[in-house]
N, C-alpha and C. Protein backbone atom coordinates (compact mmCIF):
# COMPACT_ATOMS: atom_id res chain seq x y z
N UNK A 1 0.83 -1.18 0.00
CA UNK A 1 0.00 0.00 0.00
C UNK A 1 0.87 1.24 0.00
N UNK A 2 0.36 2.26 -0.63
CA UNK A 2 1.09 3.52 -0.70
C UNK A 2 1.08 4.22 0.66
N UNK A 3 2.15 4.97 0.91
CA UNK A 3 2.21 5.80 2.11
C UNK A 3 1.93 7.23 1.67
N UNK A 4 1.16 7.91 2.49
CA UNK A 4 0.77 9.27 2.14
C UNK A 4 1.35 10.30 3.10
N UNK A 5 1.44 11.54 2.63
CA UNK A 5 1.94 12.67 3.39
C UNK A 5 0.81 13.54 3.91
N UNK A 6 -0.40 13.01 3.97
CA UNK A 6 -1.57 13.81 4.32
C UNK A 6 -1.41 14.47 5.69
N UNK A 7 -0.95 13.72 6.69
CA UNK A 7 -0.76 14.29 8.03
C UNK A 7 0.22 15.45 7.98
N UNK A 8 1.34 15.24 7.30
CA UNK A 8 2.38 16.27 7.19
C UNK A 8 1.85 17.52 6.49
N UNK A 9 1.11 17.33 5.41
CA UNK A 9 0.59 18.47 4.66
C UNK A 9 -0.44 19.23 5.50
N UNK A 10 -1.29 18.49 6.21
CA UNK A 10 -2.25 19.14 7.11
C UNK A 10 -1.52 20.00 8.13
N UNK A 11 -0.50 19.44 8.73
CA UNK A 11 0.29 20.16 9.74
C UNK A 11 0.89 21.43 9.12
N UNK A 12 1.47 21.29 7.92
CA UNK A 12 2.08 22.43 7.24
C UNK A 12 1.07 23.52 6.91
N UNK A 13 -0.16 23.12 6.61
CA UNK A 13 -1.21 24.08 6.20
C UNK A 13 -2.04 24.56 7.38
N UNK A 14 -1.76 24.02 8.58
CA UNK A 14 -2.49 24.45 9.77
C UNK A 14 -3.93 23.99 9.82
N UNK A 15 -4.21 22.83 9.25
CA UNK A 15 -5.55 22.26 9.26
C UNK A 15 -5.52 20.93 10.00
N UNK A 16 -6.51 20.68 10.83
CA UNK A 16 -6.55 19.39 11.52
C UNK A 16 -7.12 18.34 10.59
N UNK A 17 -6.84 17.10 10.92
CA UNK A 17 -7.38 16.00 10.12
C UNK A 17 -8.90 15.98 10.20
N UNK A 18 -9.44 16.33 11.37
CA UNK A 18 -10.89 16.38 11.54
C UNK A 18 -11.49 17.45 10.62
N UNK A 19 -10.84 18.61 10.55
CA UNK A 19 -11.32 19.68 9.66
C UNK A 19 -11.25 19.25 8.20
N UNK A 20 -10.17 18.55 7.84
CA UNK A 20 -10.03 18.06 6.47
C UNK A 20 -11.14 17.07 6.15
N UNK A 21 -11.39 16.14 7.07
CA UNK A 21 -12.44 15.15 6.85
C UNK A 21 -13.79 15.83 6.63
N UNK A 22 -14.11 16.81 7.45
CA UNK A 22 -15.37 17.54 7.31
C UNK A 22 -15.42 18.28 5.97
N UNK A 23 -14.30 18.87 5.59
CA UNK A 23 -14.22 19.65 4.35
C UNK A 23 -14.50 18.79 3.11
N UNK A 24 -14.05 17.52 3.15
CA UNK A 24 -14.24 16.66 1.98
C UNK A 24 -15.45 15.73 2.12
N UNK A 25 -16.15 15.85 3.25
CA UNK A 25 -17.39 15.11 3.41
C UNK A 25 -17.24 13.65 3.78
N UNK A 26 -16.20 13.31 4.53
CA UNK A 26 -16.05 11.94 5.02
C UNK A 26 -15.86 11.99 6.54
N UNK A 27 -15.96 10.85 7.15
CA UNK A 27 -15.76 10.78 8.60
C UNK A 27 -14.27 10.82 8.92
N UNK A 28 -13.98 11.12 10.17
CA UNK A 28 -12.58 11.10 10.62
C UNK A 28 -12.00 9.70 10.47
N UNK A 29 -12.84 8.68 10.70
CA UNK A 29 -12.40 7.29 10.52
C UNK A 29 -12.08 7.03 9.05
N UNK A 30 -12.91 7.53 8.16
CA UNK A 30 -12.66 7.37 6.72
C UNK A 30 -11.36 8.02 6.31
N UNK A 31 -11.09 9.21 6.86
CA UNK A 31 -9.83 9.87 6.55
C UNK A 31 -8.66 9.10 7.12
N UNK A 32 -8.82 8.57 8.33
CA UNK A 32 -7.74 7.76 8.93
C UNK A 32 -7.42 6.56 8.05
N UNK A 33 -8.44 5.93 7.51
CA UNK A 33 -8.22 4.79 6.61
C UNK A 33 -7.49 5.24 5.35
N UNK A 34 -7.87 6.41 4.82
CA UNK A 34 -7.21 6.93 3.63
C UNK A 34 -5.73 7.20 3.91
N UNK A 35 -5.47 7.80 5.06
CA UNK A 35 -4.08 8.09 5.43
C UNK A 35 -3.27 6.81 5.58
N UNK A 36 -3.93 5.74 6.04
CA UNK A 36 -3.26 4.45 6.21
C UNK A 36 -3.06 3.74 4.88
N UNK A 37 -3.63 4.27 3.78
CA UNK A 37 -3.43 3.67 2.47
C UNK A 37 -4.64 2.95 1.92
N UNK A 38 -5.71 2.86 2.69
CA UNK A 38 -6.93 2.19 2.24
C UNK A 38 -7.89 3.24 1.70
N UNK A 39 -7.73 3.60 0.42
CA UNK A 39 -8.50 4.70 -0.14
C UNK A 39 -8.78 4.49 -1.61
N UNK A 40 -9.48 5.44 -2.18
CA UNK A 40 -9.78 5.43 -3.62
C UNK A 40 -9.15 6.65 -4.26
N UNK A 41 -9.05 6.62 -5.57
CA UNK A 41 -8.51 7.77 -6.29
C UNK A 41 -9.42 8.98 -6.09
N UNK A 42 -10.72 8.75 -6.01
CA UNK A 42 -11.67 9.85 -5.79
C UNK A 42 -11.42 10.56 -4.48
N UNK A 43 -11.19 9.78 -3.43
CA UNK A 43 -10.91 10.39 -2.12
C UNK A 43 -9.59 11.15 -2.17
N UNK A 44 -8.59 10.58 -2.82
CA UNK A 44 -7.30 11.27 -2.93
C UNK A 44 -7.45 12.59 -3.70
N UNK A 45 -8.28 12.59 -4.73
CA UNK A 45 -8.51 13.82 -5.48
C UNK A 45 -9.17 14.88 -4.59
N UNK A 46 -10.14 14.46 -3.77
CA UNK A 46 -10.81 15.39 -2.86
C UNK A 46 -9.83 15.94 -1.83
N UNK A 47 -9.00 15.06 -1.27
CA UNK A 47 -8.01 15.48 -0.27
C UNK A 47 -7.05 16.48 -0.89
N UNK A 48 -6.52 16.15 -2.06
CA UNK A 48 -5.56 17.05 -2.73
C UNK A 48 -6.20 18.40 -3.00
N UNK A 49 -7.44 18.39 -3.50
CA UNK A 49 -8.13 19.64 -3.80
C UNK A 49 -8.34 20.46 -2.53
N UNK A 50 -8.80 19.81 -1.46
CA UNK A 50 -9.05 20.50 -0.20
C UNK A 50 -7.76 21.09 0.39
N UNK A 51 -6.65 20.41 0.16
CA UNK A 51 -5.37 20.89 0.70
C UNK A 51 -4.65 21.83 -0.27
N UNK A 52 -5.19 21.96 -1.48
CA UNK A 52 -4.58 22.85 -2.46
C UNK A 52 -3.25 22.36 -2.98
N UNK A 53 -3.13 21.03 -3.13
CA UNK A 53 -1.89 20.45 -3.65
C UNK A 53 -2.20 19.53 -4.82
N UNK A 54 -1.17 19.23 -5.58
CA UNK A 54 -1.27 18.24 -6.65
C UNK A 54 -1.41 16.86 -6.02
N UNK A 55 -2.14 15.96 -6.63
CA UNK A 55 -2.37 14.63 -6.05
C UNK A 55 -1.06 13.90 -5.76
N UNK A 56 -0.06 14.09 -6.61
CA UNK A 56 1.21 13.39 -6.38
C UNK A 56 1.91 13.87 -5.12
N UNK A 57 1.58 15.08 -4.66
CA UNK A 57 2.18 15.59 -3.43
C UNK A 57 1.72 14.82 -2.20
N UNK A 58 0.63 14.06 -2.32
CA UNK A 58 0.11 13.30 -1.19
C UNK A 58 0.97 12.08 -0.87
N UNK A 59 1.80 11.66 -1.82
CA UNK A 59 2.58 10.45 -1.63
C UNK A 59 3.80 10.71 -0.76
N UNK A 60 4.35 9.65 -0.18
CA UNK A 60 5.37 9.71 0.87
C UNK A 60 6.53 10.65 0.58
N UNK A 61 7.10 10.59 -0.55
CA UNK A 61 8.23 11.45 -0.88
C UNK A 61 7.98 12.08 -2.23
N UNK A 62 8.43 13.28 -2.40
CA UNK A 62 8.24 13.96 -3.68
C UNK A 62 8.92 13.21 -4.81
N UNK A 63 9.99 12.50 -4.49
CA UNK A 63 10.72 11.78 -5.52
C UNK A 63 10.14 10.40 -5.80
N UNK A 64 9.14 9.98 -5.01
CA UNK A 64 8.54 8.66 -5.22
C UNK A 64 7.93 8.58 -6.61
N UNK A 65 7.98 7.40 -7.18
CA UNK A 65 7.34 7.15 -8.46
C UNK A 65 5.88 6.83 -8.20
N UNK A 66 5.00 7.52 -8.89
CA UNK A 66 3.57 7.24 -8.78
C UNK A 66 2.99 7.32 -10.18
N UNK A 67 2.23 6.30 -10.56
CA UNK A 67 1.56 6.31 -11.85
C UNK A 67 0.12 5.86 -11.67
N UNK A 68 -0.79 6.55 -12.34
CA UNK A 68 -2.20 6.20 -12.34
C UNK A 68 -2.56 5.77 -13.74
N UNK A 69 -3.23 4.62 -13.85
CA UNK A 69 -3.67 4.12 -15.15
C UNK A 69 -5.16 3.81 -15.04
N UNK A 70 -5.92 4.37 -15.98
CA UNK A 70 -7.34 4.06 -16.05
C UNK A 70 -7.53 3.11 -17.23
N UNK A 71 -8.09 1.95 -16.97
CA UNK A 71 -8.31 0.95 -18.01
C UNK A 71 -9.74 0.44 -17.88
N UNK A 72 -10.56 0.76 -18.88
CA UNK A 72 -11.97 0.35 -18.89
C UNK A 72 -12.69 0.71 -17.59
N UNK A 73 -12.48 1.94 -17.12
CA UNK A 73 -13.16 2.43 -15.94
C UNK A 73 -12.49 2.07 -14.62
N UNK A 74 -11.54 1.16 -14.63
CA UNK A 74 -10.82 0.77 -13.41
C UNK A 74 -9.55 1.61 -13.31
N UNK A 75 -9.27 2.13 -12.12
CA UNK A 75 -8.06 2.92 -11.93
C UNK A 75 -7.06 2.10 -11.13
N UNK A 76 -5.85 2.04 -11.65
CA UNK A 76 -4.76 1.31 -11.00
C UNK A 76 -3.71 2.33 -10.57
N UNK A 77 -3.14 2.13 -9.39
CA UNK A 77 -2.08 2.99 -8.89
C UNK A 77 -0.82 2.15 -8.75
N UNK A 78 0.28 2.63 -9.34
CA UNK A 78 1.54 1.91 -9.30
C UNK A 78 2.56 2.75 -8.55
N UNK A 79 3.28 2.09 -7.64
CA UNK A 79 4.27 2.81 -6.85
C UNK A 79 5.70 2.48 -7.24
N UNK A 80 5.85 1.77 -8.36
CA UNK A 80 7.19 1.52 -8.88
C UNK A 80 7.14 1.36 -10.39
N UNK A 81 8.25 1.67 -11.02
CA UNK A 81 8.33 1.51 -12.47
C UNK A 81 8.18 0.03 -12.82
N UNK A 82 8.75 -0.83 -11.99
CA UNK A 82 8.67 -2.27 -12.23
C UNK A 82 7.22 -2.75 -12.26
N UNK A 83 6.42 -2.31 -11.29
CA UNK A 83 5.01 -2.72 -11.24
C UNK A 83 4.26 -2.21 -12.46
N UNK A 84 4.54 -0.97 -12.87
CA UNK A 84 3.89 -0.42 -14.06
C UNK A 84 4.31 -1.20 -15.31
N UNK A 85 5.60 -1.54 -15.40
CA UNK A 85 6.08 -2.32 -16.56
C UNK A 85 5.42 -3.68 -16.61
N UNK A 86 5.28 -4.34 -15.47
CA UNK A 86 4.62 -5.65 -15.44
C UNK A 86 3.17 -5.53 -15.93
N UNK A 87 2.50 -4.47 -15.52
CA UNK A 87 1.12 -4.24 -15.96
C UNK A 87 1.06 -4.02 -17.47
N UNK A 88 1.95 -3.15 -17.97
CA UNK A 88 1.91 -2.86 -19.40
C UNK A 88 2.35 -4.06 -20.23
N UNK A 89 3.29 -4.84 -19.73
CA UNK A 89 3.70 -6.06 -20.43
C UNK A 89 2.52 -7.03 -20.54
N UNK A 90 1.79 -7.19 -19.44
CA UNK A 90 0.63 -8.09 -19.45
C UNK A 90 -0.44 -7.56 -20.40
N UNK A 91 -0.63 -6.24 -20.41
CA UNK A 91 -1.62 -5.64 -21.32
C UNK A 91 -1.20 -5.85 -22.77
N UNK A 92 0.09 -5.67 -23.07
CA UNK A 92 0.59 -5.90 -24.43
C UNK A 92 0.38 -7.35 -24.86
N UNK A 93 0.66 -8.27 -23.94
CA UNK A 93 0.48 -9.70 -24.24
C UNK A 93 -0.99 -9.99 -24.53
N UNK A 94 -1.88 -9.46 -23.70
CA UNK A 94 -3.31 -9.66 -23.90
C UNK A 94 -3.76 -9.07 -25.23
N UNK A 95 -3.27 -7.87 -25.56
CA UNK A 95 -3.62 -7.24 -26.82
C UNK A 95 -3.14 -8.09 -28.00
N UNK A 96 -1.95 -8.67 -27.88
CA UNK A 96 -1.43 -9.53 -28.94
C UNK A 96 -2.29 -10.76 -29.15
N UNK A 97 -2.71 -11.38 -28.06
CA UNK A 97 -3.57 -12.56 -28.14
C UNK A 97 -4.91 -12.18 -28.79
N UNK A 98 -5.46 -11.04 -28.39
CA UNK A 98 -6.74 -10.59 -28.96
C UNK A 98 -6.60 -10.31 -30.46
N UNK A 99 -5.46 -9.71 -30.85
CA UNK A 99 -5.21 -9.44 -32.26
C UNK A 99 -5.15 -10.74 -33.06
N UNK A 100 -4.45 -11.75 -32.50
CA UNK A 100 -4.34 -13.05 -33.17
C UNK A 100 -5.71 -13.72 -33.29
N UNK A 101 -6.52 -13.62 -32.25
CA UNK A 101 -7.87 -14.20 -32.31
C UNK A 101 -8.71 -13.51 -33.38
N UNK A 102 -8.59 -12.19 -33.47
CA UNK A 102 -9.31 -11.44 -34.49
C UNK A 102 -8.89 -11.84 -35.89
N UNK A 103 -7.58 -12.01 -36.07
CA UNK A 103 -7.06 -12.43 -37.38
C UNK A 103 -7.54 -13.84 -37.73
N UNK A 104 -7.56 -14.73 -36.74
CA UNK A 104 -8.04 -16.09 -36.97
C UNK A 104 -9.52 -16.09 -37.33
N UNK A 105 -10.30 -15.25 -36.65
CA UNK A 105 -11.73 -15.17 -36.94
C UNK A 105 -11.95 -14.62 -38.35
N UNK A 106 -11.17 -13.62 -38.74
CA UNK A 106 -11.26 -13.07 -40.10
C UNK A 106 -10.92 -14.12 -41.14
N UNK A 107 -9.89 -14.92 -40.88
CA UNK A 107 -9.47 -15.97 -41.81
C UNK A 107 -10.58 -17.01 -41.97
N UNK A 108 -11.24 -17.38 -40.89
CA UNK A 108 -12.35 -18.35 -40.95
C UNK A 108 -13.52 -17.79 -41.75
N UNK A 109 -13.81 -16.52 -41.60
CA UNK A 109 -14.89 -15.90 -42.36
C UNK A 109 -14.60 -15.92 -43.85
N UNK A 110 -13.34 -15.68 -44.21
CA UNK A 110 -12.94 -15.67 -45.62
C UNK A 110 -13.08 -17.06 -46.24
N UNK A 111 -12.90 -18.13 -45.46
CA UNK A 111 -12.99 -19.49 -45.97
C UNK A 111 -14.44 -19.89 -46.24
N UNK A 112 -15.36 -19.22 -45.57
CA UNK A 112 -16.79 -19.59 -45.71
C UNK A 112 -17.37 -19.18 -47.01
């Protein structure tokens, strides 16, 4: 799970976590879960907006690698280049298989 700088940013901006939770419309418990890494991209967007920072600023270190990929409505968060590469490699492999299946289906249609 990703580590976030939400507590640190709140402290820097002079806002309590309770105030932040109220500002974004979630409970203090919900915010605590988000800070612990159990969150959604939507909640992170709300937190970043409420704090006036870029979403990537919420992550543990400014130099940390963070990538967001939306694929067919699902959002994936990657915290390393290796994890992103594994995802893209798998996607490329799946796309290749789908392309081969399409070509095989086209060939069968031509034979008919």
